[in-house]
Amino acid sequence: MKNWISRRKMALMGAAVLGTAASLFAATTPTLADDVVLKVYTALEEEQMPIYKEAFEKANPGIVIEWQRDSTGVISARLLAEKDNRQADVVWGLAATSLMVLDKEGMLESYRPVGFDLIKDDFKDLRSGWPTWVGMDAWASAICFNTVEAEKLGLPKPTSWKDLTNPVYKDQIVMPNPGSSGTGFLTVSAWLQLFGDKGGWTYMTALHDNIKTYLHSGSKPCKAVGAGEYPIGISFAYPGVKLINDGAPVEVILPKEGIGWDMEATAIMKGTKQLAAAQKLADFAASADANKLYNDSYQVLARKDVTASLPANYPADEDKLMISPNNFYDMADRRQAILDEWQKSFGSKDAPK
């Protein structure tokens, strides 16, 4: 009995010491429970997310990002579905045209981030003195071309959008569904602006004959081309450049008629309970340091005071081929009507989700 009591005393004393130590540790050492957690919705590429997260959290100790990622169309649909029960605090890295749709629904908080005056006019909401979104960088449509697979099939290298309607390419092309993918939508938007509404739909009908399937991500067509699954993919430059840098036999082609483009942008969700922390993220997303990170993937940046360098193997003259003017607000207003018509006409070749 004595031994049992002694052991019990020692256990109680040990617990008390541990409890005191734990209390002191909790008081002096930050834990996840002490941090502000920001729920951030995004369509960024997966490999970019940890880099951006680390940079922001290092600059803003005590604020932690919790990501929710999907393709542009899926994230946009989720945000709209959550309109009356909002889960996101911030959107970081979503197409500006999608944010314009959310803004029209009254879902975005007005905020001028630090350094707003150093953002190029094309990259910010200028309809009032208090913007609801701010651009980060621009990405543009491109053709990814697998030279090895094309040679096996005897396919010529396309240099224009209209080249892709050549019957020689039948069942050899993949592209993103514009309802799922921001890249898909900006590409369709460009065709409607380059060729006119009637000409754009006529072009898409001719192209459809050569499409094998429509994928549900902007980068997937290029990745599939890199894997040798298809010789041609309509996508954007970044995944193609990454494949080239990794040694894949891929070329990134910018069609000579001009290329569609959109901005990755940031916005604060109206009603967030973490407004101060959300504003810190908006400040960082618009900063020179963040723009330098964006330049690792993209040539065209939002900041006037950051000189963009051309990433390795990135196609030159992207900025010169980007369609101008690009009527973002008109395309945002017409987005659902365009998607409904596209799905009715071409959805029969959708890949399974």
Protein backbone atom coordinates (compact mmCIF):
# COMPACT_ATOMS: atom_id res chain seq x y z
CA MET A 1 0.00 0.00 0.00
CA LYS A 2 2.82 2.38 0.94
CA ASN A 3 4.49 1.79 -2.42
CA TRP A 4 1.17 2.45 -4.21
CA ILE A 5 0.72 5.75 -2.30
CA SER A 6 4.29 6.80 -3.07
CA ARG A 7 3.81 6.03 -6.72
CA ARG A 8 0.50 7.91 -6.69
CA LYS A 9 2.15 10.97 -5.05
CA MET A 10 4.94 10.91 -7.57
CA ALA A 11 2.45 10.67 -10.43
CA LEU A 12 0.42 13.58 -9.09
CA MET A 13 3.56 15.67 -8.54
CA GLY A 14 4.73 14.84 -12.06
CA ALA A 15 1.37 15.79 -13.51
CA ALA A 16 1.44 19.08 -11.63
CA VAL A 17 4.93 19.87 -12.92
CA LEU A 18 3.93 18.96 -16.46
CA GLY A 19 0.75 20.98 -16.16
CA THR A 20 2.69 24.03 -14.97
CA ALA A 21 5.21 23.62 -17.77
CA ALA A 22 2.45 23.22 -20.31
CA SER A 23 0.75 26.38 -19.05
CA LEU A 24 3.98 28.35 -19.33
CA PHE A 25 4.64 26.93 -22.79
CA ALA A 26 1.14 27.82 -23.97
CA ALA A 27 1.51 31.36 -22.68
CA THR A 28 4.83 32.01 -24.37
CA THR A 29 4.71 29.94 -27.57
CA PRO A 30 2.25 30.64 -30.41
CA THR A 31 0.18 27.65 -31.47
CA LEU A 32 -2.12 27.09 -34.40
CA ALA A 33 -5.03 27.87 -32.10
CA ASP A 34 -3.56 31.35 -31.55
CA ASP A 35 -3.21 32.05 -35.27
CA VAL A 36 -5.80 33.69 -37.49
CA VAL A 37 -6.79 31.16 -40.13
CA LEU A 38 -7.77 32.63 -43.49
CA LYS A 39 -9.86 30.42 -45.75
CA VAL A 40 -8.54 31.23 -49.21
CA TYR A 41 -10.22 29.99 -52.39
CA THR A 42 -7.98 29.74 -55.45
CA ALA A 43 -7.48 28.40 -58.96
CA LEU A 44 -3.68 28.74 -58.78
CA GLU A 45 -1.58 25.88 -60.07
CA GLU A 46 -0.89 23.43 -57.25
CA GLU A 47 2.89 23.87 -57.37
CA GLN A 48 2.52 27.65 -56.90
CA MET A 49 0.41 27.43 -53.75
CA PRO A 50 3.06 26.41 -51.17
CA ILE A 51 5.46 29.08 -52.49
CA TYR A 52 2.90 31.87 -52.19
CA LYS A 53 1.66 30.60 -48.82
CA GLU A 54 5.15 30.46 -47.35
CA ALA A 55 6.01 33.97 -48.56
CA PHE A 56 2.80 35.48 -47.16
CA GLU A 57 2.99 33.73 -43.80
CA LYS A 58 6.65 34.70 -43.38
CA ALA A 59 5.72 38.35 -43.98
CA ASN A 60 2.64 38.11 -41.75
CA PRO A 61 3.34 35.93 -38.72
CA GLY A 62 0.20 34.91 -36.89
CA ILE A 63 -1.90 34.53 -40.05
CA VAL A 64 -2.23 31.09 -41.63
CA ILE A 65 -3.67 30.29 -45.06
CA GLU A 66 -6.05 27.36 -45.44
CA TRP A 67 -6.46 26.68 -49.16
CA GLN A 68 -9.48 25.48 -51.10
CA ARG A 69 -8.43 24.84 -54.70
CA ASP A 70 -10.12 23.82 -57.91
CA SER A 71 -10.32 24.93 -61.53
CA THR A 72 -11.71 28.41 -62.21
CA GLY A 73 -15.21 27.32 -63.21
CA VAL A 74 -15.61 24.96 -60.27
CA ILE A 75 -14.35 27.47 -57.68
CA SER A 76 -16.52 30.21 -59.17
CA ALA A 77 -19.60 27.97 -59.04
CA ARG A 78 -18.82 27.02 -55.45
CA LEU A 79 -18.48 30.66 -54.38
CA LEU A 80 -21.81 31.50 -56.02
CA ALA A 81 -23.47 28.49 -54.38
CA GLU A 82 -22.19 29.70 -51.00
CA LYS A 83 -23.49 33.23 -51.53
CA ASP A 84 -25.86 33.03 -48.55
CA ASN A 85 -23.47 30.99 -46.40
CA ARG A 86 -20.01 32.22 -47.32
CA GLN A 87 -17.07 30.08 -46.32
CA ALA A 88 -14.18 31.91 -48.01
CA ASP A 89 -12.44 34.93 -46.50
CA VAL A 90 -10.34 35.79 -49.55
CA VAL A 91 -10.02 34.76 -53.18
CA TRP A 92 -6.36 34.77 -54.29
CA GLY A 93 -5.66 33.72 -57.86
CA LEU A 94 -8.99 33.57 -59.70
CA ALA A 95 -9.88 34.99 -63.12
CA ALA A 96 -10.89 38.64 -62.95
CA THR A 97 -13.89 37.87 -65.17
CA SER A 98 -15.10 35.41 -62.51
CA LEU A 99 -14.62 38.01 -59.78
CA MET A 100 -16.67 40.45 -61.87
CA VAL A 101 -19.56 37.97 -61.73
CA LEU A 102 -19.22 37.72 -57.93
CA ASP A 103 -19.04 41.49 -57.69
CA LYS A 104 -22.27 41.83 -59.63
CA GLU A 105 -23.87 39.61 -56.97
CA GLY A 106 -22.63 41.96 -54.24
CA MET A 107 -20.26 39.38 -52.77
CA LEU A 108 -16.98 41.34 -52.70
CA GLU A 109 -15.63 43.80 -50.15
CA SER A 110 -14.28 47.15 -51.38
CA TYR A 111 -10.62 47.66 -50.49
CA ARG A 112 -7.67 49.65 -51.85
CA PRO A 113 -4.56 47.62 -51.00
CA VAL A 114 -1.27 49.24 -50.09
CA GLY A 115 0.47 50.23 -53.34
CA PHE A 116 -2.78 50.43 -55.31
CA ASP A 117 -1.51 53.44 -57.28
CA LEU A 118 1.39 51.32 -58.55
CA ILE A 119 -0.97 48.78 -60.14
CA LYS A 120 -1.44 49.23 -63.90
CA ASP A 121 -4.87 50.55 -64.84
CA ASP A 122 -5.72 47.41 -66.84
CA PHE A 123 -5.19 45.35 -63.69
CA LYS A 124 -7.62 47.01 -61.31
CA ASP A 125 -11.29 47.77 -60.89
CA LEU A 126 -11.57 51.47 -61.75
CA ARG A 127 -15.34 51.81 -61.79
CA SER A 128 -15.28 53.55 -58.42
CA GLY A 129 -12.75 54.93 -55.99
CA TRP A 130 -12.93 51.73 -53.95
CA PRO A 131 -12.07 48.65 -56.00
CA THR A 132 -13.44 45.20 -55.23
CA TRP A 133 -10.68 43.26 -57.00
CA VAL A 134 -7.04 43.82 -57.98
CA GLY A 135 -5.09 41.93 -60.65
CA MET A 136 -1.88 40.02 -60.04
CA ASP A 137 -0.64 38.91 -63.47
CA ALA A 138 -2.00 37.95 -66.88
CA TRP A 139 -2.17 34.54 -68.47
CA ALA A 140 -3.02 33.96 -72.10
CA SER A 141 -4.12 31.18 -74.39
CA ALA A 142 -1.53 29.15 -76.27
CA ILE A 143 -1.13 25.93 -78.22
CA CYS A 144 1.00 23.13 -76.77
CA PHE A 145 2.51 20.97 -79.51
CA ASN A 146 4.27 17.63 -78.99
CA THR A 147 6.88 17.50 -81.74
CA VAL A 148 7.60 13.77 -81.34
CA GLU A 149 3.96 12.67 -81.47
CA ALA A 150 3.24 15.05 -84.35
CA GLU A 151 6.14 13.63 -86.36
CA LYS A 152 4.86 10.09 -85.81
CA LEU A 153 1.47 11.13 -87.17
CA GLY A 154 2.83 13.32 -89.96
CA LEU A 155 1.13 16.43 -88.59
CA PRO A 156 2.32 19.92 -89.56
CA LYS A 157 3.03 22.51 -86.89
CA PRO A 158 0.09 24.93 -86.56
CA THR A 159 0.84 28.64 -86.35
CA SER A 160 -2.68 30.06 -86.19
CA TRP A 161 -6.10 29.33 -84.72
CA LYS A 162 -7.50 28.72 -88.19
CA ASP A 163 -4.80 26.12 -88.87
CA LEU A 164 -6.45 23.96 -86.19
CA THR A 165 -9.55 23.51 -88.37
CA ASN A 166 -7.51 21.64 -91.00
CA PRO A 167 -9.03 18.12 -91.34
CA VAL A 168 -5.54 16.65 -90.93
CA TYR A 169 -5.93 17.31 -87.18
CA LYS A 170 -9.16 15.33 -86.76
CA ASP A 171 -9.33 13.82 -83.24
CA GLN A 172 -5.82 15.08 -82.46
CA ILE A 173 -6.70 18.17 -80.37
CA VAL A 174 -7.83 18.62 -76.77
CA MET A 175 -8.92 21.86 -75.12
CA PRO A 176 -10.50 22.99 -71.83
CA ASN A 177 -14.24 23.17 -71.32
CA PRO A 178 -14.89 26.92 -70.82
CA GLY A 179 -17.45 26.20 -68.12
CA SER A 180 -14.87 24.40 -65.99
CA SER A 181 -11.76 26.34 -66.95
CA GLY A 182 -10.85 30.01 -66.95
CA THR A 183 -8.38 29.27 -69.74
CA GLY A 184 -11.16 27.70 -71.76
CA PHE A 185 -13.40 30.73 -71.25
CA LEU A 186 -10.74 33.33 -72.10
CA THR A 187 -9.96 31.38 -75.28
CA VAL A 188 -13.61 31.23 -76.36
CA SER A 189 -13.94 34.91 -75.44
CA ALA A 190 -10.98 35.73 -77.69
CA TRP A 191 -12.47 33.88 -80.66
CA LEU A 192 -15.74 35.80 -80.27
CA GLN A 193 -13.82 39.07 -80.17
CA LEU A 194 -11.33 38.23 -82.94
CA PHE A 195 -13.81 36.74 -85.39
CA GLY A 196 -17.04 38.40 -84.25
CA ASP A 197 -19.96 36.56 -82.65
CA LYS A 198 -21.10 34.80 -85.83
CA GLY A 199 -17.56 34.10 -87.02
CA GLY A 200 -16.52 32.90 -83.58
CA TRP A 201 -19.28 30.30 -83.33
CA THR A 202 -18.63 29.22 -86.93
CA TYR A 203 -14.95 28.79 -86.06
CA MET A 204 -15.75 26.75 -82.94
CA THR A 205 -18.04 24.47 -84.97
CA ALA A 206 -15.22 23.77 -87.44
CA LEU A 207 -12.72 23.24 -84.63
CA HIS A 208 -15.12 20.87 -82.85
CA ASP A 209 -14.73 18.38 -85.70
CA ASN A 210 -11.04 18.05 -84.80
CA ILE A 211 -11.45 17.98 -81.01
CA LYS A 212 -11.02 14.59 -79.36
CA THR A 213 -12.32 15.70 -75.97
CA TYR A 214 -12.85 18.76 -73.77
CA LEU A 215 -11.02 18.53 -70.43
CA HIS A 216 -11.99 20.23 -67.18
CA SER A 217 -8.81 22.16 -66.44
CA GLY A 218 -6.82 24.81 -68.28
CA SER A 219 -3.47 23.08 -67.75
CA LYS A 220 -4.61 19.50 -68.41
CA PRO A 221 -4.56 19.75 -72.23
CA CYS A 222 -0.92 20.80 -72.15
CA LYS A 223 -0.01 18.19 -69.55
CA ALA A 224 -1.71 15.51 -71.66
CA VAL A 225 0.31 16.69 -74.68
CA GLY A 226 3.49 16.50 -72.61
CA ALA A 227 2.62 12.93 -71.63
CA GLY A 228 2.25 11.99 -75.30
CA GLU A 229 -1.50 11.32 -75.05
CA TYR A 230 -2.31 13.87 -77.76
CA PRO A 231 -0.17 15.89 -80.17
CA ILE A 232 -1.99 19.23 -79.71
CA GLY A 233 -3.59 20.93 -76.72
CA ILE A 234 -5.17 24.36 -76.41
CA SER A 235 -4.01 25.64 -73.03
CA PHE A 236 -1.78 28.46 -71.76
CA ALA A 237 1.95 29.04 -71.76
CA TYR A 238 2.92 28.26 -68.16
CA PRO A 239 2.34 24.46 -68.13
CA GLY A 240 4.00 24.15 -71.54
CA VAL A 241 7.05 26.08 -70.39
CA LYS A 242 7.26 23.89 -67.29
CA LEU A 243 7.16 20.78 -69.47
CA ILE A 244 9.91 22.16 -71.72
CA ASN A 245 12.06 22.95 -68.68
CA ASP A 246 11.49 19.37 -67.50
CA GLY A 247 12.72 18.03 -70.85
CA ALA A 248 9.46 17.18 -72.63
CA PRO A 249 9.38 17.47 -76.46
CA VAL A 250 6.85 20.29 -76.38
CA GLU A 251 6.65 23.65 -78.13
CA VAL A 252 4.45 26.53 -76.98
CA ILE A 253 2.86 28.31 -79.94
CA LEU A 254 1.16 31.71 -79.81
CA PRO A 255 -1.36 31.88 -82.68
CA LYS A 256 -0.67 34.78 -84.98
CA GLU A 257 -4.27 36.15 -85.07
CA GLY A 258 -3.97 37.10 -81.40
CA ILE A 259 -4.50 35.41 -78.05
CA GLY A 260 -7.13 35.67 -75.37
CA TRP A 261 -6.09 36.61 -71.87
CA ASP A 262 -7.40 37.22 -68.40
CA MET A 263 -5.94 38.34 -65.12
CA GLU A 264 -5.37 36.32 -62.01
CA ALA A 265 -6.80 38.57 -59.33
CA THR A 266 -7.44 38.92 -55.61
CA ALA A 267 -10.60 39.93 -53.74
CA ILE A 268 -11.91 39.98 -50.18
CA MET A 269 -15.25 38.30 -49.58
CA LYS A 270 -17.88 40.59 -48.10
CA GLY A 271 -18.87 39.54 -44.60
CA THR A 272 -15.58 37.87 -43.68
CA LYS A 273 -15.02 37.72 -39.93
CA GLN A 274 -11.27 38.06 -40.51
CA LEU A 275 -11.32 41.41 -42.30
CA ALA A 276 -8.04 42.77 -40.91
CA ALA A 277 -6.15 39.59 -41.83
CA ALA A 278 -7.88 39.47 -45.23
CA GLN A 279 -6.70 43.02 -45.91
CA LYS A 280 -3.14 41.95 -45.04
CA LEU A 281 -3.39 39.23 -47.67
CA ALA A 282 -4.79 41.69 -50.24
CA ASP A 283 -1.87 44.03 -49.46
CA PHE A 284 0.63 41.22 -49.95
CA ALA A 285 -1.00 39.96 -53.16
CA ALA A 286 -0.63 43.44 -54.68
CA SER A 287 2.93 43.96 -53.42
CA ALA A 288 6.15 44.11 -55.42
CA ASP A 289 7.42 41.02 -53.59
CA ALA A 290 4.38 39.01 -54.66
CA ASN A 291 4.66 40.24 -58.25
CA LYS A 292 8.25 38.99 -58.34
CA LEU A 293 6.92 35.56 -57.37
CA TYR A 294 4.29 35.74 -60.11
CA ASN A 295 7.08 36.50 -62.60
CA ASP A 296 8.45 32.99 -62.06
CA SER A 297 5.40 31.77 -64.00
CA TYR A 298 4.16 34.69 -66.08
CA GLN A 299 5.58 37.44 -68.27
CA VAL A 300 2.92 40.13 -67.76
CA LEU A 301 2.63 41.55 -64.23
CA ALA A 302 0.28 44.00 -62.52
CA ARG A 303 2.84 46.28 -60.86
CA LYS A 304 4.29 49.26 -62.74
CA ASP A 305 7.45 49.23 -60.61
CA VAL A 306 8.37 45.56 -61.14
CA THR A 307 10.31 44.91 -64.34
CA ALA A 308 9.22 41.53 -65.62
CA SER A 309 11.87 39.18 -66.91
CA LEU A 310 11.10 36.45 -69.41
CA PRO A 311 10.96 33.07 -67.63
CA ALA A 312 13.21 30.41 -69.16
CA ASN A 313 11.76 29.05 -72.42
CA TYR A 314 8.74 31.35 -72.17
CA PRO A 315 7.51 32.45 -75.63
CA ALA A 316 8.51 35.99 -76.54
CA ASP A 317 6.01 38.66 -77.54
CA GLU A 318 3.09 37.25 -75.56
CA ASP A 319 2.20 40.78 -74.49
CA LYS A 320 2.17 41.96 -78.12
CA LEU A 321 -0.25 39.22 -79.21
CA MET A 322 -2.71 39.63 -76.33
CA ILE A 323 -5.93 41.01 -77.81
CA SER A 324 -6.49 44.70 -77.14
CA PRO A 325 -8.91 46.02 -76.20
CA ASN A 326 -10.16 43.02 -74.23
CA ASN A 327 -13.74 43.65 -73.15
CA PHE A 328 -13.68 41.93 -69.76
CA TYR A 329 -16.88 43.43 -68.40
CA ASP A 330 -18.89 42.55 -71.50
CA MET A 331 -17.59 38.98 -71.44
CA ALA A 332 -18.34 38.71 -67.71
CA ASP A 333 -21.90 39.94 -68.30
CA ARG A 334 -22.38 37.47 -71.16
CA ARG A 335 -20.51 34.62 -69.50
CA GLN A 336 -23.47 32.42 -68.61
CA ALA A 337 -25.17 32.88 -71.99
CA ILE A 338 -21.91 32.02 -73.78
CA LEU A 339 -21.38 28.94 -71.62
CA ASP A 340 -24.96 27.74 -72.12
CA GLU A 341 -24.63 28.04 -75.90
CA TRP A 342 -21.21 26.38 -75.90
CA GLN A 343 -22.38 23.45 -73.77
CA LYS A 344 -25.45 22.89 -75.94
CA SER A 345 -23.36 22.91 -79.11
CA PHE A 346 -20.19 21.10 -78.06
CA GLY A 347 -20.73 19.39 -74.70
CA SER A 348 -21.14 15.98 -76.33
CA LYS A 349 -17.35 15.60 -76.30
CA ASP A 350 -16.85 16.51 -72.63
CA ALA A 351 -14.48 14.29 -70.68
CA PRO A 352 -16.01 12.71 -67.56
CA LYS A 353 -15.60 14.91 -64.48
